[in-house]
Amino acid sequence: MENNQSSTADRELRLTRTLDAPVELVWEVWTQPEHIAQWWGPNGFTNTISKMEIKPGGEWDLVMHGPDGTDYKNKSVFKEVIPLKKIVYEHVSSPKFVATIEFDETGRANLFELAHAF
């Protein structure tokens, strides 16, 4: 019998970084709107975050402003939040995807992994 649950391996983008920072600080820059707005998105973009409810079922509404003046509205819903460990959100505006961010601290180094499944 064929497994009906497909693996995401063939439609997943996975990024891993090790940061020289405590997990609490990395968590803060991912979960506080005033911080994530400063670095989210490609170079040259700015962000306006109108809602960021870091809890299961909470919404994240933001507009990314392109350097050419184009606005890109984004809406996501948080599916899983484990403080200092994991964030899973579903990007419900186009393009649709699910992102999983995992935090793993070893000493002062913080292994940060982001996976997007399309």
PDB file of N, CA and C in Angstrom:
ATOM      1  N   MET A   1       0.845  -1.176   0.000  1.00  0.00           N
ATOM      2  CA  MET A   1       0.000   0.000   0.000  1.00  0.00           C
ATOM      3  C   MET A   1       0.893   1.243   0.000  1.00  0.00           C
ATOM      4  N   GLU A   2       0.555   2.214  -0.804  1.00  0.00           N
ATOM      5  CA  GLU A   2       1.326   3.452  -0.927  1.00  0.00           C
ATOM      6  C   GLU A   2       1.023   4.382   0.234  1.00  0.00           C
ATOM      7  N   ASN A   3       2.054   5.054   0.735  1.00  0.00           N
ATOM      8  CA  ASN A   3       1.888   6.019   1.818  1.00  0.00           C
ATOM      9  C   ASN A   3       1.254   7.288   1.258  1.00  0.00           C
ATOM     10  N   ASN A   4       0.092   7.682   1.798  1.00  0.00           N
ATOM     11  CA  ASN A   4      -0.611   8.863   1.318  1.00  0.00           C
ATOM     12  C   ASN A   4       0.005  10.162   1.815  1.00  0.00           C
ATOM     13  N   GLN A   5       0.835  10.096   2.839  1.00  0.00           N
ATOM     14  CA  GLN A   5       1.494  11.292   3.340  1.00  0.00           C
ATOM     15  C   GLN A   5       2.804  11.463   2.586  1.00  0.00           C
ATOM     16  N   SER A   6       2.885  12.510   1.781  1.00  0.00           N
ATOM     17  CA  SER A   6       4.084  12.711   0.981  1.00  0.00           C
ATOM     18  C   SER A   6       5.140  13.426   1.799  1.00  0.00           C
ATOM     19  N   SER A   7       6.373  13.121   1.515  1.00  0.00           N
ATOM     20  CA  SER A   7       7.505  13.796   2.130  1.00  0.00           C
ATOM     21  C   SER A   7       7.634  15.182   1.510  1.00  0.00           C
ATOM     22  N   THR A   8       8.167  16.128   2.285  1.00  0.00           N
ATOM     23  CA  THR A   8       8.371  17.472   1.742  1.00  0.00           C
ATOM     24  C   THR A   8       9.758  17.623   1.137  1.00  0.00           C
ATOM     25  N   ALA A   9      10.579  16.591   1.159  1.00  0.00           N
ATOM     26  CA  ALA A   9      11.970  16.706   0.709  1.00  0.00           C
ATOM     27  C   ALA A   9      12.104  17.242  -0.710  1.00  0.00           C
ATOM     28  N   ASP A  10      11.180  16.907  -1.599  1.00  0.00           N
ATOM     29  CA  ASP A  10      11.281  17.344  -2.986  1.00  0.00           C
ATOM     30  C   ASP A  10      10.683  18.723  -3.231  1.00  0.00           C
ATOM     31  N   ARG A  11      10.138  19.349  -2.185  1.00  0.00           N
ATOM     32  CA  ARG A  11       9.550  20.683  -2.327  1.00  0.00           C
ATOM     33  C   ARG A  11       9.857  21.562  -1.119  1.00  0.00           C
ATOM     34  N   GLU A  12      11.072  21.387  -0.620  1.00  0.00           N
ATOM     35  CA  GLU A  12      11.466  22.082   0.593  1.00  0.00           C
ATOM     36  C   GLU A  12      12.764  22.855   0.382  1.00  0.00           C
ATOM     37  N   LEU A  13      12.811  24.041   0.963  1.00  0.00           N
ATOM     38  CA  LEU A  13      14.007  24.860   0.987  1.00  0.00           C
ATOM     39  C   LEU A  13      14.456  24.909   2.439  1.00  0.00           C
ATOM     40  N   ARG A  14      15.705  24.517   2.712  1.00  0.00           N
ATOM     41  CA  ARG A  14      16.195  24.437   4.092  1.00  0.00           C
ATOM     42  C   ARG A  14      17.468  25.261   4.219  1.00  0.00           C
ATOM     43  N   LEU A  15      17.479  26.199   5.178  1.00  0.00           N
ATOM     44  CA  LEU A  15      18.629  27.049   5.452  1.00  0.00           C
ATOM     45  C   LEU A  15      19.071  26.823   6.891  1.00  0.00           C
ATOM     46  N   THR A  16      20.374  26.735   7.107  1.00  0.00           N
ATOM     47  CA  THR A  16      20.910  26.540   8.446  1.00  0.00           C
ATOM     48  C   THR A  16      22.010  27.548   8.688  1.00  0.00           C
ATOM     49  N   ARG A  17      21.975  28.191   9.857  1.00  0.00           N
ATOM     50  CA  ARG A  17      23.007  29.151  10.253  1.00  0.00           C
ATOM     51  C   ARG A  17      23.391  28.885  11.696  1.00  0.00           C
ATOM     52  N   THR A  18      24.645  29.084  12.015  1.00  0.00           N
ATOM     53  CA  THR A  18      25.098  29.072  13.394  1.00  0.00           C
ATOM     54  C   THR A  18      25.462  30.500  13.751  1.00  0.00           C
ATOM     55  N   LEU A  19      24.838  31.020  14.787  1.00  0.00           N
ATOM     56  CA  LEU A  19      25.032  32.403  15.188  1.00  0.00           C
ATOM     57  C   LEU A  19      25.753  32.454  16.534  1.00  0.00           C
ATOM     58  N   ASP A  20      26.658  33.395  16.687  1.00  0.00           N
ATOM     59  CA  ASP A  20      27.351  33.586  17.953  1.00  0.00           C
ATOM     60  C   ASP A  20      26.512  34.512  18.829  1.00  0.00           C
ATOM     61  N   ALA A  21      25.409  33.957  19.336  1.00  0.00           N
ATOM     62  CA  ALA A  21      24.484  34.728  20.154  1.00  0.00           C
ATOM     63  C   ALA A  21      23.675  33.756  21.001  1.00  0.00           C
ATOM     64  N   PRO A  22      23.245  34.192  22.166  1.00  0.00           N
ATOM     65  CA  PRO A  22      22.398  33.324  22.990  1.00  0.00           C
ATOM     66  C   PRO A  22      21.028  33.121  22.351  1.00  0.00           C
ATOM     67  N   VAL A  23      20.434  31.975  22.599  1.00  0.00           N
ATOM     68  CA  VAL A  23      19.143  31.642  22.005  1.00  0.00           C
ATOM     69  C   VAL A  23      18.080  32.680  22.366  1.00  0.00           C
ATOM     70  N   GLU A  24      18.159  33.258  23.557  1.00  0.00           N
ATOM     71  CA  GLU A  24      17.170  34.270  23.959  1.00  0.00           C
ATOM     72  C   GLU A  24      17.201  35.482  23.030  1.00  0.00           C
ATOM     73  N   LEU A  25      18.386  35.898  22.626  1.00  0.00           N
ATOM     74  CA  LEU A  25      18.507  37.048  21.728  1.00  0.00           C
ATOM     75  C   LEU A  25      17.997  36.702  20.325  1.00  0.00           C
ATOM     76  N   VAL A  26      18.348  35.542  19.831  1.00  0.00           N
ATOM     77  CA  VAL A  26      17.887  35.131  18.496  1.00  0.00           C
ATOM     78  C   VAL A  26      16.362  35.003  18.495  1.00  0.00           C
ATOM     79  N   TRP A  27      15.804  34.440  19.559  1.00  0.00           N
ATOM     80  CA  TRP A  27      14.346  34.345  19.690  1.00  0.00           C
ATOM     81  C   TRP A  27      13.717  35.736  19.649  1.00  0.00           C
ATOM     82  N   GLU A  28      14.319  36.674  20.375  1.00  0.00           N
ATOM     83  CA  GLU A  28      13.777  38.034  20.434  1.00  0.00           C
ATOM     84  C   GLU A  28      13.745  38.701  19.064  1.00  0.00           C
ATOM     85  N   VAL A  29      14.812  38.561  18.274  1.00  0.00           N
ATOM     86  CA  VAL A  29      14.818  39.227  16.968  1.00  0.00           C
ATOM     87  C   VAL A  29      13.876  38.552  15.973  1.00  0.00           C
ATOM     88  N   TRP A  30      13.450  37.318  16.262  1.00  0.00           N
ATOM     89  CA  TRP A  30      12.456  36.640  15.433  1.00  0.00           C
ATOM     90  C   TRP A  30      11.027  36.931  15.870  1.00  0.00           C
ATOM     91  N   THR A  31      10.822  37.304  17.129  1.00  0.00           N
ATOM     92  CA  THR A  31       9.452  37.384  17.649  1.00  0.00           C
ATOM     93  C   THR A  31       9.001  38.791  18.035  1.00  0.00           C
ATOM     94  N   GLN A  32       9.861  39.773  18.008  1.00  0.00           N
ATOM     95  CA  GLN A  32       9.485  41.142  18.344  1.00  0.00           C
ATOM     96  C   GLN A  32       9.384  41.960  17.051  1.00  0.00           C
ATOM     97  N   PRO A  33       8.207  42.507  16.754  1.00  0.00           N
ATOM     98  CA  PRO A  33       8.010  43.233  15.491  1.00  0.00           C
ATOM     99  C   PRO A  33       9.031  44.334  15.246  1.00  0.00           C
ATOM    100  N   GLU A  34       9.425  45.047  16.283  1.00  0.00           N
ATOM    101  CA  GLU A  34      10.380  46.137  16.091  1.00  0.00           C
ATOM    102  C   GLU A  34      11.755  45.626  15.657  1.00  0.00           C
ATOM    103  N   HIS A  35      12.067  44.378  15.952  1.00  0.00           N
ATOM    104  CA  HIS A  35      13.347  43.801  15.524  1.00  0.00           C
ATOM    105  C   HIS A  35      13.248  43.159  14.144  1.00  0.00           C
ATOM    106  N   ILE A  36      12.265  42.279  13.951  1.00  0.00           N
ATOM    107  CA  ILE A  36      12.174  41.547  12.681  1.00  0.00           C
ATOM    108  C   ILE A  36      11.927  42.505  11.506  1.00  0.00           C
ATOM    109  N   ALA A  37      11.247  43.612  11.772  1.00  0.00           N
ATOM    110  CA  ALA A  37      11.002  44.598  10.707  1.00  0.00           C
ATOM    111  C   ALA A  37      12.306  45.189  10.178  1.00  0.00           C
ATOM    112  N   GLN A  38      13.373  45.147  10.976  1.00  0.00           N
ATOM    113  CA  GLN A  38      14.655  45.732  10.579  1.00  0.00           C
ATOM    114  C   GLN A  38      15.468  44.840   9.643  1.00  0.00           C
ATOM    115  N   TRP A  39      15.161  43.542   9.601  1.00  0.00           N
ATOM    116  CA  TRP A  39      15.999  42.654   8.798  1.00  0.00           C
ATOM    117  C   TRP A  39      15.222  41.710   7.872  1.00  0.00           C
ATOM    118  N   TRP A  40      13.919  41.650   7.983  1.00  0.00           N
ATOM    119  CA  TRP A  40      13.132  40.698   7.189  1.00  0.00           C
ATOM    120  C   TRP A  40      13.117  41.106   5.717  1.00  0.00           C
ATOM    121  N   GLY A  41      13.357  40.161   4.844  1.00  0.00           N
ATOM    122  CA  GLY A  41      13.234  40.381   3.409  1.00  0.00           C
ATOM    123  C   GLY A  41      14.546  40.724   2.724  1.00  0.00           C
ATOM    124  N   PRO A  42      14.483  40.877   1.416  1.00  0.00           N
ATOM    125  CA  PRO A  42      15.681  41.153   0.618  1.00  0.00           C
ATOM    126  C   PRO A  42      16.267  42.537   0.926  1.00  0.00           C
ATOM    127  N   ASN A  43      17.537  42.714   0.548  1.00  0.00           N
ATOM    128  CA  ASN A  43      18.180  44.020   0.694  1.00  0.00           C
ATOM    129  C   ASN A  43      17.373  45.080  -0.038  1.00  0.00           C
ATOM    130  N   GLY A  44      17.255  46.248   0.583  1.00  0.00           N
ATOM    131  CA  GLY A  44      16.531  47.351  -0.033  1.00  0.00           C
ATOM    132  C   GLY A  44      15.064  47.410   0.336  1.00  0.00           C
ATOM    133  N   PHE A  45      14.520  46.356   0.926  1.00  0.00           N
ATOM    134  CA  PHE A  45      13.125  46.329   1.333  1.00  0.00           C
ATOM    135  C   PHE A  45      12.981  46.869   2.751  1.00  0.00           C
ATOM    136  N   THR A  46      11.826  47.452   3.038  1.00  0.00           N
ATOM    137  CA  THR A  46      11.456  47.817   4.398  1.00  0.00           C
ATOM    138  C   THR A  46      10.143  47.116   4.709  1.00  0.00           C
ATOM    139  N   ASN A  47       9.769  47.110   5.984  1.00  0.00           N
ATOM    140  CA  ASN A  47       8.585  46.377   6.412  1.00  0.00           C
ATOM    141  C   ASN A  47       7.713  47.203   7.340  1.00  0.00           C
ATOM    142  N   THR A  48       6.408  47.036   7.195  1.00  0.00           N
ATOM    143  CA  THR A  48       5.447  47.566   8.148  1.00  0.00           C
ATOM    144  C   THR A  48       4.669  46.377   8.689  1.00  0.00           C
ATOM    145  N   ILE A  49       4.783  46.155   9.990  1.00  0.00           N
ATOM    146  CA  ILE A  49       4.091  45.037  10.630  1.00  0.00           C
ATOM    147  C   ILE A  49       2.916  45.602  11.414  1.00  0.00           C
ATOM    148  N   SER A  50       1.702  45.187  11.031  1.00  0.00           N
ATOM    149  CA  SER A  50       0.512  45.682  11.723  1.00  0.00           C
ATOM    150  C   SER A  50       0.025  44.720  12.802  1.00  0.00           C
ATOM    151  N   LYS A  51       0.423  43.456  12.701  1.00  0.00           N
ATOM    152  CA  LYS A  51       0.012  42.467  13.697  1.00  0.00           C
ATOM    153  C   LYS A  51       1.056  41.357  13.737  1.00  0.00           C
ATOM    154  N   MET A  52       1.425  40.950  14.954  1.00  0.00           N
ATOM    155  CA  MET A  52       2.340  39.821  15.112  1.00  0.00           C
ATOM    156  C   MET A  52       2.036  39.171  16.457  1.00  0.00           C
ATOM    157  N   GLU A  53       1.144  38.176  16.410  1.00  0.00           N
ATOM    158  CA  GLU A  53       0.694  37.473  17.609  1.00  0.00           C
ATOM    159  C   GLU A  53       1.395  36.118  17.670  1.00  0.00           C
ATOM    160  N   ILE A  54       2.469  36.049  18.443  1.00  0.00           N
ATOM    161  CA  ILE A  54       3.285  34.840  18.503  1.00  0.00           C
ATOM    162  C   ILE A  54       2.632  33.839  19.448  1.00  0.00           C
ATOM    163  N   LYS A  55       1.647  33.112  18.914  1.00  0.00           N
ATOM    164  CA  LYS A  55       0.937  32.065  19.650  1.00  0.00           C
ATOM    165  C   LYS A  55       0.207  31.220  18.620  1.00  0.00           C
ATOM    166  N   PRO A  56      -0.088  29.967  18.939  1.00  0.00           N
ATOM    167  CA  PRO A  56      -0.840  29.151  17.993  1.00  0.00           C
ATOM    168  C   PRO A  56      -2.164  29.828  17.634  1.00  0.00           C
ATOM    169  N   GLY A  57      -2.409  29.956  16.333  1.00  0.00           N
ATOM    170  CA  GLY A  57      -3.603  30.628  15.832  1.00  0.00           C
ATOM    171  C   GLY A  57      -3.430  32.130  15.678  1.00  0.00           C
ATOM    172  N   GLY A  58      -2.318  32.664  16.194  1.00  0.00           N
ATOM    173  CA  GLY A  58      -2.058  34.101  16.081  1.00  0.00           C
ATOM    174  C   GLY A  58      -1.704  34.480  14.651  1.00  0.00           C
ATOM    175  N   GLU A  59      -1.979  35.725  14.313  1.00  0.00           N
ATOM    176  CA  GLU A  59      -1.733  36.201  12.951  1.00  0.00           C
ATOM    177  C   GLU A  59      -0.513  37.099  12.876  1.00  0.00           C
ATOM    178  N   TRP A  60       0.101  37.084  11.694  1.00  0.00           N
ATOM    179  CA  TRP A  60       1.233  37.954  11.394  1.00  0.00           C
ATOM    180  C   TRP A  60       0.895  38.652  10.078  1.00  0.00           C
ATOM    181  N   ASP A  61       0.616  39.941  10.167  1.00  0.00           N
ATOM    182  CA  ASP A  61       0.295  40.746   8.991  1.00  0.00           C
ATOM    183  C   ASP A  61       1.413  41.752   8.778  1.00  0.00           C
ATOM    184  N   LEU A  62       1.976  41.742   7.592  1.00  0.00           N
ATOM    185  CA  LEU A  62       3.017  42.706   7.279  1.00  0.00           C
ATOM    186  C   LEU A  62       2.955  43.098   5.818  1.00  0.00           C
ATOM    187  N   VAL A  63       3.493  44.258   5.545  1.00  0.00           N
ATOM    188  CA  VAL A  63       3.648  44.725   4.173  1.00  0.00           C
ATOM    189  C   VAL A  63       5.126  44.949   3.951  1.00  0.00           C
ATOM    190  N   MET A  64       5.648  44.279   2.935  1.00  0.00           N
ATOM    191  CA  MET A  64       7.035  44.500   2.530  1.00  0.00           C
ATOM    192  C   MET A  64       7.016  45.567   1.445  1.00  0.00           C
ATOM    193  N   HIS A  65       7.818  46.604   1.637  1.00  0.00           N
ATOM    194  CA  HIS A  65       7.880  47.710   0.696  1.00  0.00           C
ATOM    195  C   HIS A  65       9.143  47.563  -0.147  1.00  0.00           C
ATOM    196  N   GLY A  66       8.956  47.328  -1.443  1.00  0.00           N
ATOM    197  CA  GLY A  66      10.091  47.162  -2.343  1.00  0.00           C
ATOM    198  C   GLY A  66      10.778  48.478  -2.624  1.00  0.00           C
ATOM    199  N   PRO A  67      12.042  48.423  -3.020  1.00  0.00           N
ATOM    200  CA  PRO A  67      12.775  49.648  -3.322  1.00  0.00           C
ATOM    201  C   PRO A  67      12.187  50.443  -4.485  1.00  0.00           C
ATOM    202  N   ASP A  68      11.369  49.784  -5.318  1.00  0.00           N
ATOM    203  CA  ASP A  68      10.727  50.476  -6.437  1.00  0.00           C
ATOM    204  C   ASP A  68       9.375  51.057  -6.052  1.00  0.00           C
ATOM    205  N   GLY A  69       9.000  50.943  -4.745  1.00  0.00           N
ATOM    206  CA  GLY A  69       7.734  51.487  -4.270  1.00  0.00           C
ATOM    207  C   GLY A  69       6.588  50.487  -4.264  1.00  0.00           C
ATOM    208  N   THR A  70       6.813  49.274  -4.766  1.00  0.00           N
ATOM    209  CA  THR A  70       5.775  48.256  -4.777  1.00  0.00           C
ATOM    210  C   THR A  70       5.584  47.694  -3.372  1.00  0.00           C
ATOM    211  N   ASP A  71       4.335  47.546  -2.947  1.00  0.00           N
ATOM    212  CA  ASP A  71       4.003  46.953  -1.657  1.00  0.00           C
ATOM    213  C   ASP A  71       3.586  45.499  -1.851  1.00  0.00           C
ATOM    214  N   TYR A  72       4.078  44.639  -0.972  1.00  0.00           N
ATOM    215  CA  TYR A  72       3.772  43.215  -1.011  1.00  0.00           C
ATOM    216  C   TYR A  72       3.120  42.843   0.317  1.00  0.00           C
ATOM    217  N   LYS A  73       1.792  42.635   0.289  1.00  0.00           N
ATOM    218  CA  LYS A  73       1.070  42.270   1.503  1.00  0.00           C
ATOM    219  C   LYS A  73       1.297  40.803   1.810  1.00  0.00           C
ATOM    220  N   ASN A  74       1.539  40.523   3.073  1.00  0.00           N
ATOM    221  CA  ASN A  74       1.795  39.164   3.538  1.00  0.00           C
ATOM    222  C   ASN A  74       0.933  38.878   4.760  1.00  0.00           C
ATOM    223  N   LYS A  75       0.363  37.687   4.794  1.00  0.00           N
ATOM    224  CA  LYS A  75      -0.398  37.241   5.959  1.00  0.00           C
ATOM    225  C   LYS A  75       0.008  35.811   6.276  1.00  0.00           C
ATOM    226  N   SER A  76       0.308  35.584   7.553  1.00  0.00           N
ATOM    227  CA  SER A  76       0.663  34.257   8.025  1.00  0.00           C
ATOM    228  C   SER A  76      -0.107  33.957   9.296  1.00  0.00           C
ATOM    229  N   VAL A  77      -0.250  32.667   9.600  1.00  0.00           N
ATOM    230  CA  VAL A  77      -0.890  32.211  10.825  1.00  0.00           C
ATOM    231  C   VAL A  77       0.078  31.271  11.525  1.00  0.00           C
ATOM    232  N   PHE A  78       0.335  31.544  12.800  1.00  0.00           N
ATOM    233  CA  PHE A  78       1.243  30.698  13.576  1.00  0.00           C
ATOM    234  C   PHE A  78       0.539  29.398  13.930  1.00  0.00           C
ATOM    235  N   LYS A  79       1.188  28.288  13.645  1.00  0.00           N
ATOM    236  CA  LYS A  79       0.627  26.962  13.898  1.00  0.00           C
ATOM    237  C   LYS A  79       1.182  26.341  15.178  1.00  0.00           C
ATOM    238  N   GLU A  80       2.458  26.595  15.455  1.00  0.00           N
ATOM    239  CA  GLU A  80       3.105  26.020  16.635  1.00  0.00           C
ATOM    240  C   GLU A  80       4.144  27.009  17.143  1.00  0.00           C
ATOM    241  N   VAL A  81       4.157  27.219  18.451  1.00  0.00           N
ATOM    242  CA  VAL A  81       5.140  28.096  19.071  1.00  0.00           C
ATOM    243  C   VAL A  81       5.607  27.431  20.356  1.00  0.00           C
ATOM    244  N   ILE A  82       6.882  27.090  20.408  1.00  0.00           N
ATOM    245  CA  ILE A  82       7.510  26.555  21.611  1.00  0.00           C
ATOM    246  C   ILE A  82       8.621  27.541  21.956  1.00  0.00           C
ATOM    247  N   PRO A  83       8.406  28.376  22.988  1.00  0.00           N
ATOM    248  CA  PRO A  83       9.377  29.424  23.301  1.00  0.00           C
ATOM    249  C   PRO A  83      10.818  28.914  23.360  1.00  0.00           C
ATOM    250  N   LEU A  84      11.685  29.658  22.672  1.00  0.00           N
ATOM    251  CA  LEU A  84      13.126  29.403  22.596  1.00  0.00           C
ATOM    252  C   LEU A  84      13.488  28.121  21.849  1.00  0.00           C
ATOM    253  N   LYS A  85      12.500  27.446  21.248  1.00  0.00           N
ATOM    254  CA  LYS A  85      12.754  26.172  20.558  1.00  0.00           C
ATOM    255  C   LYS A  85      12.265  26.146  19.112  1.00  0.00           C
ATOM    256  N   LYS A  86      11.008  26.579  18.874  1.00  0.00           N
ATOM    257  CA  LYS A  86      10.429  26.334  17.554  1.00  0.00           C
ATOM    258  C   LYS A  86       9.280  27.291  17.258  1.00  0.00           C
ATOM    259  N   ILE A  87       9.216  27.716  15.992  1.00  0.00           N
ATOM    260  CA  ILE A  87       8.095  28.492  15.469  1.00  0.00           C
ATOM    261  C   ILE A  87       7.690  27.851  14.143  1.00  0.00           C
ATOM    262  N   VAL A  88       6.410  27.587  13.978  1.00  0.00           N
ATOM    263  CA  VAL A  88       5.874  27.102  12.703  1.00  0.00           C
ATOM    264  C   VAL A  88       4.756  28.054  12.305  1.00  0.00           C
ATOM    265  N   TYR A  89       4.858  28.576  11.082  1.00  0.00           N
ATOM    266  CA  TYR A  89       3.778  29.424  10.594  1.00  0.00           C
ATOM    267  C   TYR A  89       3.431  29.046   9.170  1.00  0.00           C
ATOM    268  N   GLU A  90       2.158  29.283   8.830  1.00  0.00           N
ATOM    269  CA  GLU A  90       1.662  29.048   7.476  1.00  0.00           C
ATOM    270  C   GLU A  90       1.461  30.400   6.807  1.00  0.00           C
ATOM    271  N   HIS A  91       2.135  30.601   5.697  1.00  0.00           N
ATOM    272  CA  HIS A  91       1.970  31.821   4.904  1.00  0.00           C
ATOM    273  C   HIS A  91       0.724  31.600   4.064  1.00  0.00           C
ATOM    274  N   VAL A  92      -0.357  32.296   4.429  1.00  0.00           N
ATOM    275  CA  VAL A  92      -1.646  32.029   3.796  1.00  0.00           C
ATOM    276  C   VAL A  92      -1.929  32.920   2.594  1.00  0.00           C
ATOM    277  N   SER A  93      -1.120  33.968   2.411  1.00  0.00           N
ATOM    278  CA  SER A  93      -1.223  34.742   1.174  1.00  0.00           C
ATOM    279  C   SER A  93      -0.268  34.105   0.162  1.00  0.00           C
ATOM    280  N   SER A  94      -0.388  34.506  -1.074  1.00  0.00           N
ATOM    281  CA  SER A  94       0.436  33.906  -2.119  1.00  0.00           C
ATOM    282  C   SER A  94       1.868  34.427  -2.040  1.00  0.00           C
ATOM    283  N   PRO A  95       2.853  33.576  -2.195  1.00  0.00           N
ATOM    284  CA  PRO A  95       2.797  32.133  -2.387  1.00  0.00           C
ATOM    285  C   PRO A  95       2.572  31.421  -1.064  1.00  0.00           C
ATOM    286  N   LYS A  96       1.781  30.383  -1.098  1.00  0.00           N
ATOM    287  CA  LYS A  96       1.462  29.631   0.121  1.00  0.00           C
ATOM    288  C   LYS A  96       2.604  28.677   0.448  1.00  0.00           C
ATOM    289  N   PHE A  97       2.976  28.658   1.734  1.00  0.00           N
ATOM    290  CA  PHE A  97       4.004  27.739   2.211  1.00  0.00           C
ATOM    291  C   PHE A  97       3.906  27.626   3.718  1.00  0.00           C
ATOM    292  N   VAL A  98       4.590  26.649   4.273  1.00  0.00           N
ATOM    293  CA  VAL A  98       4.712  26.489   5.718  1.00  0.00           C
ATOM    294  C   VAL A  98       6.184  26.632   6.060  1.00  0.00           C
ATOM    295  N   ALA A  99       6.480  27.469   7.052  1.00  0.00           N
ATOM    296  CA  ALA A  99       7.860  27.686   7.490  1.00  0.00           C
ATOM    297  C   ALA A  99       8.023  27.148   8.906  1.00  0.00           C
ATOM    298  N   THR A 100       9.125  26.465   9.128  1.00  0.00           N
ATOM    299  CA  THR A 100       9.479  25.959  10.447  1.00  0.00           C
ATOM    300  C   THR A 100      10.833  26.525  10.806  1.00  0.00           C
ATOM    301  N   ILE A 101      10.904  27.217  11.949  1.00  0.00           N
ATOM    302  CA  ILE A 101      12.155  27.780  12.427  1.00  0.00           C
ATOM    303  C   ILE A 101      12.481  27.082  13.729  1.00  0.00           C
ATOM    304  N   GLU A 102      13.662  26.469  13.786  1.00  0.00           N
ATOM    305  CA  GLU A 102      14.070  25.763  14.990  1.00  0.00           C
ATOM    306  C   GLU A 102      15.319  26.411  15.562  1.00  0.00           C
ATOM    307  N   PHE A 103      15.359  26.496  16.887  1.00  0.00           N
ATOM    308  CA  PHE A 103      16.450  27.128  17.609  1.00  0.00           C
ATOM    309  C   PHE A 103      17.094  26.069  18.504  1.00  0.00           C
ATOM    310  N   ASP A 104      18.404  25.940  18.434  1.00  0.00           N
ATOM    311  CA  ASP A 104      19.108  24.944  19.236  1.00  0.00           C
ATOM    312  C   ASP A 104      20.397  25.568  19.743  1.00  0.00           C
ATOM    313  N   GLU A 105      20.479  25.790  21.034  1.00  0.00           N
ATOM    314  CA  GLU A 105      21.645  26.467  21.604  1.00  0.00           C
ATOM    315  C   GLU A 105      22.657  25.452  22.126  1.00  0.00           C
ATOM    316  N   THR A 106      23.907  25.692  21.766  1.00  0.00           N
ATOM    317  CA  THR A 106      25.025  24.927  22.289  1.00  0.00           C
ATOM    318  C   THR A 106      26.038  25.946  22.781  1.00  0.00           C
ATOM    319  N   GLY A 107      26.110  26.135  24.096  1.00  0.00           N
ATOM    320  CA  GLY A 107      26.979  27.181  24.617  1.00  0.00           C
ATOM    321  C   GLY A 107      26.463  28.525  24.155  1.00  0.00           C
ATOM    322  N   ARG A 108      27.315  29.361  23.557  1.00  0.00           N
ATOM    323  CA  ARG A 108      26.893  30.661  23.041  1.00  0.00           C
ATOM    324  C   ARG A 108      26.497  30.581  21.576  1.00  0.00           C
ATOM    325  N   ALA A 109      26.834  29.505  20.921  1.00  0.00           N
ATOM    326  CA  ALA A 109      26.462  29.362  19.516  1.00  0.00           C
ATOM    327  C   ALA A 109      25.003  28.932  19.428  1.00  0.00           C
ATOM    328  N   ASN A 110      24.299  29.452  18.456  1.00  0.00           N
ATOM    329  CA  ASN A 110      22.901  29.133  18.279  1.00  0.00           C
ATOM    330  C   ASN A 110      22.707  28.591  16.882  1.00  0.00           C
ATOM    331  N   LEU A 111      22.292  27.331  16.793  1.00  0.00           N
ATOM    332  CA  LEU A 111      21.987  26.737  15.498  1.00  0.00           C
ATOM    333  C   LEU A 111      20.555  27.116  15.158  1.00  0.00           C
ATOM    334  N   PHE A 112      20.412  27.756  14.040  1.00  0.00           N
ATOM    335  CA  PHE A 112      19.118  28.251  13.603  1.00  0.00           C
ATOM    336  C   PHE A 112      18.826  27.596  12.263  1.00  0.00           C
ATOM    337  N   GLU A 113      17.684  26.983  12.153  1.00  0.00           N
ATOM    338  CA  GLU A 113      17.320  26.307  10.913  1.00  0.00           C
ATOM    339  C   GLU A 113      15.939  26.772  10.474  1.00  0.00           C
ATOM    340  N   LEU A 114      15.841  27.118   9.202  1.00  0.00           N
ATOM    341  CA  LEU A 114      14.577  27.560   8.611  1.00  0.00           C
ATOM    342  C   LEU A 114      14.262  26.626   7.453  1.00  0.00           C
ATOM    343  N   ALA A 115      13.067  26.045   7.478  1.00  0.00           N
ATOM    344  CA  ALA A 115      12.626  25.173   6.392  1.00  0.00           C
ATOM    345  C   ALA A 115      11.312  25.702   5.839  1.00  0.00           C
ATOM    346  N   HIS A 116      11.247  25.896   4.524  1.00  0.00           N
ATOM    347  CA  HIS A 116      10.008  26.295   3.841  1.00  0.00           C
ATOM    348  C   HIS A 116       9.548  25.112   3.015  1.00  0.00           C
ATOM    349  N   ALA A 117       8.350  24.666   3.243  1.00  0.00           N
ATOM    350  CA  ALA A 117       7.766  23.601   2.420  1.00  0.00           C
ATOM    351  C   ALA A 117       6.698  24.228   1.535  1.00  0.00           C
ATOM    352  N   PHE A 118       6.854  24.072   0.225  1.00  0.00           N
ATOM    353  CA  PHE A 118       5.925  24.666  -0.747  1.00  0.00           C
ATOM    354  C   PHE A 118       4.943  23.633  -1.242  1.00  0.00           C
TER     355      PHE A 118
END
